[in-house]
């Protein structure tokens, strides 16, 4: 039996979400309004993750793993405030938080998740 691969919201270089079987893979998500601080950007990112997961028939309670990049590790604490308010406390994913340069220097946080459907 072959599993179907469904790609959502493609751009010229990637698909923002890919479904394979009962697994959903999201591309790294950055904020659209980059004039906000790390908390504002994190809220935007998580709202977009919610949208993409819903489009794939999933939600934050089914997130298996998350990779978070911050441009300054000192932004980890304020980012975590927004993350903690959003994440399903009864279904915490495996997670990494890494300091890294992002493609747009105004972006302060990027998050990529893998979720069950």
C-alpha atoms as a PDB file:
ATOM      1  CA  UNK A   1       0.000   0.000   0.000  1.00  0.00           C
ATOM      2  CA  UNK A   2       1.428   3.381  -0.962  1.00  0.00           C
ATOM      3  CA  UNK A   3       0.790   6.420   1.190  1.00  0.00           C
ATOM      4  CA  UNK A   4      -0.283   9.615  -0.470  1.00  0.00           C
ATOM      5  CA  UNK A   5       1.814  12.730  -0.087  1.00  0.00           C
ATOM      6  CA  UNK A   6      -0.153  15.987  -0.029  1.00  0.00           C
ATOM      7  CA  UNK A   7       1.598  19.354  -0.223  1.00  0.00           C
ATOM      8  CA  UNK A   8      -0.047  22.585   0.979  1.00  0.00           C
ATOM      9  CA  UNK A   9       0.706  26.261   0.367  1.00  0.00           C
ATOM     10  CA  UNK A  10       3.675  25.762  -1.977  1.00  0.00           C
ATOM     11  CA  UNK A  11       6.087  28.596  -2.764  1.00  0.00           C
ATOM     12  CA  UNK A  12       8.813  28.665  -5.396  1.00  0.00           C
ATOM     13  CA  UNK A  13      11.201  26.798  -3.059  1.00  0.00           C
ATOM     14  CA  UNK A  14       9.129  24.789  -0.544  1.00  0.00           C
ATOM     15  CA  UNK A  15       5.748  23.564   0.614  1.00  0.00           C
ATOM     16  CA  UNK A  16       4.611  25.129   3.883  1.00  0.00           C
ATOM     17  CA  UNK A  17       2.992  21.849   4.963  1.00  0.00           C
ATOM     18  CA  UNK A  18       3.416  18.267   3.766  1.00  0.00           C
ATOM     19  CA  UNK A  19       1.200  15.362   4.812  1.00  0.00           C
ATOM     20  CA  UNK A  20       2.417  11.791   4.506  1.00  0.00           C
ATOM     21  CA  UNK A  21       0.198   9.138   6.003  1.00  0.00           C
ATOM     22  CA  UNK A  22      -0.753  10.298   9.486  1.00  0.00           C
ATOM     23  CA  UNK A  23       2.190  12.695   9.845  1.00  0.00           C
ATOM     24  CA  UNK A  24       2.246  16.423   9.114  1.00  0.00           C
ATOM     25  CA  UNK A  25       5.532  18.240   8.476  1.00  0.00           C
ATOM     26  CA  UNK A  26       5.577  22.035   8.559  1.00  0.00           C
ATOM     27  CA  UNK A  27       8.278  24.214   7.057  1.00  0.00           C
ATOM     28  CA  UNK A  28       9.972  26.712   9.317  1.00  0.00           C
ATOM     29  CA  UNK A  29       7.514  29.534  10.003  1.00  0.00           C
ATOM     30  CA  UNK A  30       8.539  33.154  10.533  1.00  0.00           C
ATOM     31  CA  UNK A  31       6.327  36.151  11.297  1.00  0.00           C
ATOM     32  CA  UNK A  32       4.870  38.200   8.456  1.00  0.00           C
ATOM     33  CA  UNK A  33       5.064  41.487  10.428  1.00  0.00           C
ATOM     34  CA  UNK A  34       8.736  41.693  11.349  1.00  0.00           C
ATOM     35  CA  UNK A  35       8.394  45.068  13.088  1.00  0.00           C
ATOM     36  CA  UNK A  36       7.241  43.346  16.300  1.00  0.00           C
ATOM     37  CA  UNK A  37       9.366  42.152  19.230  1.00  0.00           C
ATOM     38  CA  UNK A  38      10.091  38.456  19.784  1.00  0.00           C
ATOM     39  CA  UNK A  39       6.839  37.929  21.711  1.00  0.00           C
ATOM     40  CA  UNK A  40       4.758  39.487  18.929  1.00  0.00           C
ATOM     41  CA  UNK A  41       6.620  37.517  16.264  1.00  0.00           C
ATOM     42  CA  UNK A  42       6.243  34.265  18.228  1.00  0.00           C
ATOM     43  CA  UNK A  43       2.465  34.836  18.520  1.00  0.00           C
ATOM     44  CA  UNK A  44       2.237  35.353  14.741  1.00  0.00           C
ATOM     45  CA  UNK A  45       4.292  32.203  14.097  1.00  0.00           C
ATOM     46  CA  UNK A  46       2.126  30.084  16.399  1.00  0.00           C
ATOM     47  CA  UNK A  47      -1.069  31.455  14.815  1.00  0.00           C
ATOM     48  CA  UNK A  48       0.265  30.390  11.402  1.00  0.00           C
ATOM     49  CA  UNK A  49       1.226  26.965  12.780  1.00  0.00           C
ATOM     50  CA  UNK A  50      -2.346  26.608  14.083  1.00  0.00           C
ATOM     51  CA  UNK A  51      -3.682  27.515  10.612  1.00  0.00           C
ATOM     52  CA  UNK A  52      -1.424  25.073   8.784  1.00  0.00           C
ATOM     53  CA  UNK A  53      -2.092  22.225  11.228  1.00  0.00           C
ATOM     54  CA  UNK A  54      -5.864  22.766  10.927  1.00  0.00           C
ATOM     55  CA  UNK A  55      -5.563  22.709   7.134  1.00  0.00           C
ATOM     56  CA  UNK A  56      -3.962  19.273   7.500  1.00  0.00           C
ATOM     57  CA  UNK A  57      -6.530  17.953   9.993  1.00  0.00           C
ATOM     58  CA  UNK A  58      -4.265  18.311  13.029  1.00  0.00           C
ATOM     59  CA  UNK A  59      -3.777  20.685  15.968  1.00  0.00           C
ATOM     60  CA  UNK A  60      -1.249  21.714  18.605  1.00  0.00           C
ATOM     61  CA  UNK A  61      -2.173  18.811  20.910  1.00  0.00           C
ATOM     62  CA  UNK A  62      -0.753  16.472  18.258  1.00  0.00           C
ATOM     63  CA  UNK A  63       2.615  18.188  17.802  1.00  0.00           C
ATOM     64  CA  UNK A  64       5.336  15.550  18.159  1.00  0.00           C
ATOM     65  CA  UNK A  65       8.415  17.743  17.892  1.00  0.00           C
ATOM     66  CA  UNK A  66       9.349  21.384  17.481  1.00  0.00           C
ATOM     67  CA  UNK A  67      12.564  23.064  16.438  1.00  0.00           C
ATOM     68  CA  UNK A  68      12.834  26.722  17.393  1.00  0.00           C
ATOM     69  CA  UNK A  69      15.503  29.104  16.164  1.00  0.00           C
ATOM     70  CA  UNK A  70      16.048  32.456  17.884  1.00  0.00           C
ATOM     71  CA  UNK A  71      18.522  35.037  16.613  1.00  0.00           C
ATOM     72  CA  UNK A  72      19.590  35.863  20.169  1.00  0.00           C
ATOM     73  CA  UNK A  73      19.433  33.194  22.883  1.00  0.00           C
ATOM     74  CA  UNK A  74      18.505  35.975  25.331  1.00  0.00           C
ATOM     75  CA  UNK A  75      15.141  36.032  23.503  1.00  0.00           C
ATOM     76  CA  UNK A  76      14.477  32.442  24.622  1.00  0.00           C
ATOM     77  CA  UNK A  77      12.718  33.489  27.848  1.00  0.00           C
ATOM     78  CA  UNK A  78      10.227  35.943  26.262  1.00  0.00           C
ATOM     79  CA  UNK A  79       9.624  33.509  23.383  1.00  0.00           C
ATOM     80  CA  UNK A  80       8.957  30.768  25.975  1.00  0.00           C
ATOM     81  CA  UNK A  81       6.294  32.941  27.649  1.00  0.00           C
ATOM     82  CA  UNK A  82       4.278  32.949  24.426  1.00  0.00           C
ATOM     83  CA  UNK A  83       5.114  29.293  23.669  1.00  0.00           C
ATOM     84  CA  UNK A  84       3.993  28.151  27.149  1.00  0.00           C
ATOM     85  CA  UNK A  85       0.678  30.005  26.819  1.00  0.00           C
ATOM     86  CA  UNK A  86       0.091  28.339  23.421  1.00  0.00           C
ATOM     87  CA  UNK A  87       1.354  24.769  23.781  1.00  0.00           C
ATOM     88  CA  UNK A  88      -0.934  21.989  25.042  1.00  0.00           C
ATOM     89  CA  UNK A  89       0.498  21.430  28.547  1.00  0.00           C
ATOM     90  CA  UNK A  90      -0.860  17.853  28.648  1.00  0.00           C
ATOM     91  CA  UNK A  91       0.765  16.973  25.303  1.00  0.00           C
ATOM     92  CA  UNK A  92       4.179  18.622  25.277  1.00  0.00           C
ATOM     93  CA  UNK A  93       6.293  17.870  22.203  1.00  0.00           C
ATOM     94  CA  UNK A  94       9.975  17.063  22.092  1.00  0.00           C
ATOM     95  CA  UNK A  95      11.706  20.382  21.449  1.00  0.00           C
ATOM     96  CA  UNK A  96      14.990  22.108  20.686  1.00  0.00           C
ATOM     97  CA  UNK A  97      15.752  25.836  20.839  1.00  0.00           C
ATOM     98  CA  UNK A  98      18.819  27.023  18.956  1.00  0.00           C
ATOM     99  CA  UNK A  99      20.463  30.403  18.438  1.00  0.00           C
ATOM    100  CA  UNK A 100      20.971  31.039  14.715  1.00  0.00           C
ATOM    101  CA  UNK A 101      21.028  33.706  12.036  1.00  0.00           C
ATOM    102  CA  UNK A 102      17.790  33.734  10.020  1.00  0.00           C
ATOM    103  CA  UNK A 103      17.354  34.614   6.337  1.00  0.00           C
ATOM    104  CA  UNK A 104      15.748  38.002   7.099  1.00  0.00           C
ATOM    105  CA  UNK A 105      17.752  39.930   9.712  1.00  0.00           C
ATOM    106  CA  UNK A 106      14.504  41.424  11.110  1.00  0.00           C
ATOM    107  CA  UNK A 107      13.130  37.945  11.918  1.00  0.00           C
ATOM    108  CA  UNK A 108      13.728  37.060  15.565  1.00  0.00           C
ATOM    109  CA  UNK A 109      12.220  33.564  15.741  1.00  0.00           C
ATOM    110  CA  UNK A 110      11.445  30.659  13.391  1.00  0.00           C
ATOM    111  CA  UNK A 111       9.577  27.512  14.410  1.00  0.00           C
ATOM    112  CA  UNK A 112       9.205  24.196  12.578  1.00  0.00           C
ATOM    113  CA  UNK A 113       6.967  21.380  13.828  1.00  0.00           C
ATOM    114  CA  UNK A 114       6.098  17.801  13.016  1.00  0.00           C
ATOM    115  CA  UNK A 115       2.671  16.593  14.133  1.00  0.00           C
ATOM    116  CA  UNK A 116       0.445  13.544  14.024  1.00  0.00           C
ATOM    117  CA  UNK A 117      -2.771  13.884  12.098  1.00  0.00           C
END
